[in-house]
């Protein structure tokens, strides 16, 4: 990748890593449903403008049902689950657990996508990543049942991301990516609207939570998705998904420095295992810098 692509990748990782910080602040005064709805509604507004400017909003009417399904499975469901989970667990820990999505993808591929089936090093990555998840649940979240349930909610969100990925791959192949993202977020906003209305705060929320949710929607969802799809167009989906391994690191840094969240040895070990396992589960090999012989041959 060129310098511009790497710069966009790091910016995107920093933005998505900050999303967990914004969610943590938002749920201080707002319900998970309200946070999730405001996030996707604001993000949809940004992406509708971007996709419209690029002429990518049309030609998707025949796929409306699939777009709505992806909106529920990959966006609305996971976003409300992550917000609910962060009512109980640290934002940095939520960021680490979400990074398990590639591991769930490799596991589900056994039944739904033979091209993604985990074998060899990829299978080792699944085992390694699940060991990291088990460490986080058993060490960092062993203190209370509510924390454990919060962690499981975030893991369920990761499963939703994985299922949504297969839906996009098999049912939305060839569709304009910015248009897909815009309509998926729009469908998600519609699906979450009743939940948000039913859980609206009885009194005005504080300025901090409101600002956090606005930043989450406009920057962490709308602008971030636009950058992500620009990267896909420039360097392809495989390289773009490297952001999955970088965002948790930013999430932990933000949580520690800005929210004073503790970092235990279990957190660090779990982060390393989940990120390494996710990489292997997707790539099926070690990073290029750890393979000097191949690097010298230009492979």
Protein backbone atom coordinates (compact mmCIF):
# COMPACT_ATOMS: atom_id res chain seq x y z
CA UNK A 1 0.00 0.00 0.00
CA UNK A 2 1.14 3.56 -0.64
CA UNK A 3 1.63 6.21 2.04
CA UNK A 4 -1.83 7.72 1.51
CA UNK A 5 -3.54 4.36 2.01
CA UNK A 6 -1.59 3.64 5.19
CA UNK A 7 -2.43 7.12 6.48
CA UNK A 8 -6.15 6.56 5.81
CA UNK A 9 -5.92 3.17 7.49
CA UNK A 10 -4.42 4.65 10.65
CA UNK A 11 -6.94 7.49 10.68
CA UNK A 12 -9.78 4.99 10.32
CA UNK A 13 -8.40 2.80 13.11
CA UNK A 14 -8.10 5.85 15.37
CA UNK A 15 -11.70 6.88 14.59
CA UNK A 16 -13.19 3.42 15.07
CA UNK A 17 -11.15 2.89 18.21
CA UNK A 18 -12.64 6.12 19.57
CA UNK A 19 -16.18 4.85 18.89
CA UNK A 20 -16.08 2.75 22.05
CA UNK A 21 -15.06 5.81 24.05
CA UNK A 22 -17.98 7.80 22.60
CA UNK A 23 -20.42 4.97 23.35
CA UNK A 24 -19.20 4.74 26.94
CA UNK A 25 -19.83 8.45 27.43
CA UNK A 26 -23.15 8.36 25.60
CA UNK A 27 -24.70 5.62 27.75
CA UNK A 28 -24.16 7.74 30.86
CA UNK A 29 -27.38 9.63 30.07
CA UNK A 30 -28.89 7.81 27.08
CA UNK A 31 -30.21 4.28 26.63
CA UNK A 32 -28.35 1.81 24.39
CA UNK A 33 -31.25 2.01 21.95
CA UNK A 34 -31.08 5.79 21.78
CA UNK A 35 -27.29 5.77 21.33
CA UNK A 36 -27.50 3.17 18.56
CA UNK A 37 -30.35 4.96 16.75
CA UNK A 38 -28.73 8.40 16.90
CA UNK A 39 -25.48 6.90 15.69
CA UNK A 40 -26.95 5.24 12.59
CA UNK A 41 -29.34 8.13 11.82
CA UNK A 42 -26.48 10.64 11.79
CA UNK A 43 -24.21 8.24 9.92
CA UNK A 44 -26.92 7.57 7.33
CA UNK A 45 -27.27 11.30 6.73
CA UNK A 46 -23.55 11.60 5.98
CA UNK A 47 -23.43 8.53 3.75
CA UNK A 48 -26.58 9.40 1.82
CA UNK A 49 -24.90 12.69 0.92
CA UNK A 50 -21.63 10.98 -0.05
CA UNK A 51 -23.29 8.20 -2.07
CA UNK A 52 -25.61 10.70 -3.74
CA UNK A 53 -22.68 12.87 -4.79
CA UNK A 54 -21.04 9.78 -6.31
CA UNK A 55 -24.22 8.65 -8.04
CA UNK A 56 -24.35 5.36 -6.11
CA UNK A 57 -27.82 5.50 -4.58
CA UNK A 58 -29.73 4.06 -7.51
CA UNK A 59 -30.13 0.54 -8.85
CA UNK A 60 -30.63 -1.15 -5.48
CA UNK A 61 -34.43 -1.38 -5.27
CA UNK A 62 -34.44 -5.08 -6.17
CA UNK A 63 -32.12 -5.74 -3.21
CA UNK A 64 -34.14 -3.77 -0.67
CA UNK A 65 -34.97 -6.87 1.38
CA UNK A 66 -31.33 -7.89 1.64
CA UNK A 67 -30.29 -4.33 2.53
CA UNK A 68 -32.87 -4.29 5.34
CA UNK A 69 -31.71 -7.71 6.60
CA UNK A 70 -28.07 -6.60 6.63
CA UNK A 71 -29.13 -3.42 8.41
CA UNK A 72 -30.67 -5.44 11.24
CA UNK A 73 -28.03 -8.18 11.49
CA UNK A 74 -24.81 -6.23 10.88
CA UNK A 75 -25.65 -2.74 12.13
CA UNK A 76 -28.78 -2.25 14.27
CA UNK A 77 -28.35 -5.42 16.33
CA UNK A 78 -24.61 -5.12 16.94
CA UNK A 79 -24.73 -1.39 17.67
CA UNK A 80 -27.39 -1.76 20.37
CA UNK A 81 -25.64 -4.82 21.81
CA UNK A 82 -22.30 -3.01 22.05
CA UNK A 83 -23.92 -0.02 23.73
CA UNK A 84 -25.71 -2.33 26.19
CA UNK A 85 -22.48 -4.19 26.86
CA UNK A 86 -20.60 -0.98 27.56
CA UNK A 87 -23.02 -0.18 30.36
CA UNK A 88 -21.23 -3.01 32.21
CA UNK A 89 -17.71 -3.31 30.81
CA UNK A 90 -14.82 -1.00 29.93
CA UNK A 91 -14.76 0.63 26.50
CA UNK A 92 -11.29 -0.76 25.74
CA UNK A 93 -12.42 -4.28 26.56
CA UNK A 94 -15.42 -3.87 24.25
CA UNK A 95 -13.06 -2.84 21.46
CA UNK A 96 -10.98 -5.97 21.99
CA UNK A 97 -13.99 -8.30 22.02
CA UNK A 98 -15.37 -6.81 18.80
CA UNK A 99 -12.08 -7.74 17.13
CA UNK A 100 -13.20 -11.37 17.39
CA UNK A 101 -15.47 -10.90 14.33
CA UNK A 102 -12.93 -12.49 11.92
CA UNK A 103 -12.77 -15.51 14.22
CA UNK A 104 -16.54 -15.97 14.04
CA UNK A 105 -16.29 -15.54 10.26
CA UNK A 106 -13.81 -18.42 10.06
CA UNK A 107 -15.99 -20.62 12.27
CA UNK A 108 -19.21 -19.91 10.33
CA UNK A 109 -17.41 -20.54 7.02
CA UNK A 110 -17.27 -24.22 7.91
CA UNK A 111 -20.99 -24.38 7.08
CA UNK A 112 -21.76 -21.42 4.83
CA UNK A 113 -18.68 -20.55 2.74
CA UNK A 114 -16.08 -23.14 1.83
CA UNK A 115 -13.82 -20.45 0.34
CA UNK A 116 -13.38 -19.00 3.83
CA UNK A 117 -12.97 -22.35 5.59
CA UNK A 118 -10.27 -22.35 8.26
CA UNK A 119 -7.47 -24.87 7.78
CA UNK A 120 -3.85 -25.00 8.87
CA UNK A 121 -2.65 -21.65 10.17
CA UNK A 122 -6.15 -20.19 9.85
CA UNK A 123 -7.53 -22.89 12.10
CA UNK A 124 -4.73 -22.20 14.57
CA UNK A 125 -5.78 -18.56 14.48
CA UNK A 126 -9.35 -19.49 15.42
CA UNK A 127 -8.10 -21.52 18.38
CA UNK A 128 -5.71 -18.75 19.45
CA UNK A 129 -8.39 -16.07 19.19
CA UNK A 130 -10.94 -18.10 21.13
CA UNK A 131 -8.33 -18.65 23.84
CA UNK A 132 -7.97 -14.86 24.06
CA UNK A 133 -11.74 -14.41 24.31
CA UNK A 134 -11.88 -17.07 27.00
CA UNK A 135 -9.12 -15.31 28.94
CA UNK A 136 -10.94 -11.97 28.79
CA UNK A 137 -14.24 -13.51 29.91
CA UNK A 138 -12.66 -15.67 32.58
CA UNK A 139 -10.19 -13.16 34.02
CA UNK A 140 -11.30 -9.60 33.31
CA UNK A 141 -15.05 -10.28 33.54
CA UNK A 142 -15.15 -12.89 36.25
CA UNK A 143 -16.01 -10.33 38.92
CA UNK A 144 -19.76 -10.17 38.40
CA UNK A 145 -22.58 -11.70 36.38
CA UNK A 146 -23.53 -8.31 34.90
CA UNK A 147 -20.01 -7.78 33.54
CA UNK A 148 -20.00 -11.25 32.02
CA UNK A 149 -23.35 -10.60 30.37
CA UNK A 150 -22.02 -7.29 29.04
CA UNK A 151 -19.05 -9.06 27.51
CA UNK A 152 -21.28 -11.73 25.97
CA UNK A 153 -23.47 -9.00 24.45
CA UNK A 154 -20.43 -7.53 22.69
CA UNK A 155 -19.40 -10.98 21.47
CA UNK A 156 -22.90 -11.48 20.07
CA UNK A 157 -22.44 -8.20 18.22
CA UNK A 158 -19.24 -9.59 16.69
CA UNK A 159 -21.19 -12.62 15.54
CA UNK A 160 -23.67 -10.26 13.87
CA UNK A 161 -20.81 -8.54 12.04
CA UNK A 162 -19.61 -11.92 10.77
CA UNK A 163 -23.07 -13.03 9.59
CA UNK A 164 -23.61 -9.66 7.91
CA UNK A 165 -20.31 -10.04 6.09
CA UNK A 166 -21.49 -13.27 4.49
CA UNK A 167 -24.80 -11.67 3.50
CA UNK A 168 -22.98 -8.80 1.82
CA UNK A 169 -20.58 -11.13 0.04
CA UNK A 170 -23.20 -13.52 -1.32
CA UNK A 171 -26.21 -11.27 -1.87
CA UNK A 172 -24.81 -7.80 -2.54
CA UNK A 173 -21.79 -8.61 -4.68
CA UNK A 174 -21.22 -6.02 -7.39
CA UNK A 175 -23.45 -3.39 -5.78
CA UNK A 176 -22.00 0.13 -5.35
CA UNK A 177 -20.38 0.05 -1.89
CA UNK A 178 -21.19 3.61 -0.79
CA UNK A 179 -24.81 3.12 -1.84
CA UNK A 180 -25.02 -0.16 0.05
CA UNK A 181 -23.60 1.43 3.20
CA UNK A 182 -25.99 4.39 2.94
CA UNK A 183 -29.13 2.28 2.52
CA UNK A 184 -28.04 -0.25 5.15
CA UNK A 185 -27.63 2.53 7.71
CA UNK A 186 -30.95 4.06 6.65
CA UNK A 187 -32.70 0.71 7.16
CA UNK A 188 -30.99 0.38 10.53
CA UNK A 189 -32.20 3.81 11.60
CA UNK A 190 -35.76 2.86 10.71
CA UNK A 191 -35.49 -0.45 12.61
CA UNK A 192 -34.09 1.24 15.72
CA UNK A 193 -36.49 4.19 15.76
CA UNK A 194 -39.20 2.44 17.87
CA UNK A 195 -36.59 1.26 20.40
CA UNK A 196 -35.18 4.78 20.67
CA UNK A 197 -38.65 6.27 21.12
CA UNK A 198 -39.56 3.80 23.86
CA UNK A 199 -36.31 4.41 25.75
CA UNK A 200 -36.02 8.17 25.27
CA UNK A 201 -34.67 9.95 28.39
CA UNK A 202 -37.20 11.53 30.73
CA UNK A 203 -35.00 14.60 31.16
CA UNK A 204 -32.51 16.40 28.94
CA UNK A 205 -29.18 14.54 28.73
CA UNK A 206 -25.93 16.28 29.56
CA UNK A 207 -23.88 18.10 26.97
CA UNK A 208 -21.06 15.54 27.18
CA UNK A 209 -23.13 12.48 26.23
CA UNK A 210 -24.92 14.42 23.48
CA UNK A 211 -21.62 15.61 21.99
CA UNK A 212 -20.20 12.09 22.21
CA UNK A 213 -23.16 10.60 20.33
CA UNK A 214 -23.00 13.30 17.65
CA UNK A 215 -19.28 12.58 17.16
CA UNK A 216 -20.05 8.85 17.13
CA UNK A 217 -22.65 9.27 14.40
CA UNK A 218 -21.05 11.87 12.16
CA UNK A 219 -17.38 10.91 12.52
CA UNK A 220 -17.33 7.38 13.94
CA UNK A 221 -20.02 6.08 11.60
CA UNK A 222 -20.66 8.36 8.60
CA UNK A 223 -17.16 9.65 7.84
CA UNK A 224 -15.51 6.40 8.97
CA UNK A 225 -17.64 4.30 6.59
CA UNK A 226 -16.84 6.70 3.73
CA UNK A 227 -13.09 6.33 4.43
CA UNK A 228 -13.46 2.56 4.71
CA UNK A 229 -15.11 2.22 1.30
CA UNK A 230 -12.53 4.54 -0.25
CA UNK A 231 -9.87 2.19 1.08
CA UNK A 232 -11.67 -0.85 -0.33
CA UNK A 233 -11.71 0.81 -3.73
CA UNK A 234 -8.03 1.74 -3.50
CA UNK A 235 -6.38 -1.34 -1.97
CA UNK A 236 -9.09 -4.02 -1.88
CA UNK A 237 -11.13 -5.48 0.99
CA UNK A 238 -8.45 -7.79 2.41
CA UNK A 239 -5.96 -5.01 3.10
CA UNK A 240 -8.70 -2.64 4.24
CA UNK A 241 -9.71 -5.07 6.97
CA UNK A 242 -6.28 -4.63 8.60
CA UNK A 243 -8.12 -1.86 10.47
CA UNK A 244 -9.80 -4.63 12.48
CA UNK A 245 -6.47 -5.39 14.15
CA UNK A 246 -5.49 -1.77 14.80
CA UNK A 247 -8.74 -0.32 16.20
CA UNK A 248 -8.69 -2.34 19.48
CA UNK A 249 -5.28 -0.91 20.35
CA UNK A 250 -6.63 2.61 19.96
CA UNK A 251 -9.73 1.66 21.98
CA UNK A 252 -7.58 0.52 24.91
CA UNK A 253 -5.37 3.62 24.72
CA UNK A 254 -8.37 5.97 24.74
CA UNK A 255 -10.00 4.08 27.60
CA UNK A 256 -6.89 4.21 29.75
CA UNK A 257 -5.85 7.80 29.04
CA UNK A 258 -9.24 9.52 28.81
CA UNK A 259 -11.51 7.42 31.03
CA UNK A 260 -8.99 6.05 33.52
CA UNK A 261 -9.94 2.45 32.74
CA UNK A 262 -7.65 -0.15 34.30
CA UNK A 263 -5.51 -2.47 32.20
CA UNK A 264 -4.70 -5.84 33.68
CA UNK A 265 -2.24 -8.47 32.54
CA UNK A 266 -5.27 -10.45 31.38
CA UNK A 267 -6.40 -7.52 29.20
CA UNK A 268 -3.00 -7.24 27.51
CA UNK A 269 -2.71 -11.00 27.00
CA UNK A 270 -6.29 -11.24 25.73
CA UNK A 271 -5.71 -8.36 23.32
CA UNK A 272 -2.59 -10.01 21.93
CA UNK A 273 -4.30 -13.39 21.50
CA UNK A 274 -7.48 -11.99 19.91
CA UNK A 275 -5.63 -9.72 17.47
CA UNK A 276 -3.08 -12.41 16.53
CA UNK A 277 -5.79 -15.04 16.22
CA UNK A 278 -7.97 -12.78 14.08
CA UNK A 279 -5.04 -12.03 11.78
CA UNK A 280 -4.24 -15.71 11.29
CA UNK A 281 -7.90 -16.63 10.87
CA UNK A 282 -8.17 -14.16 7.98
CA UNK A 283 -4.71 -14.24 6.43
CA UNK A 284 -3.63 -17.82 7.16
CA UNK A 285 -0.04 -16.66 7.57
CA UNK A 286 2.22 -14.50 9.70
CA UNK A 287 2.60 -10.79 8.88
CA UNK A 288 5.17 -10.08 6.17
CA UNK A 289 7.65 -8.51 8.60
CA UNK A 290 7.84 -11.81 10.47
CA UNK A 291 8.69 -13.65 7.25
CA UNK A 292 12.02 -12.12 6.16
CA UNK A 293 12.87 -14.81 3.63
CA UNK A 294 9.69 -14.17 1.69
CA UNK A 295 10.07 -10.42 2.05
CA UNK A 296 13.51 -10.59 0.43
CA UNK A 297 12.03 -12.51 -2.49
CA UNK A 298 9.36 -9.86 -2.98
CA UNK A 299 6.50 -12.20 -2.07
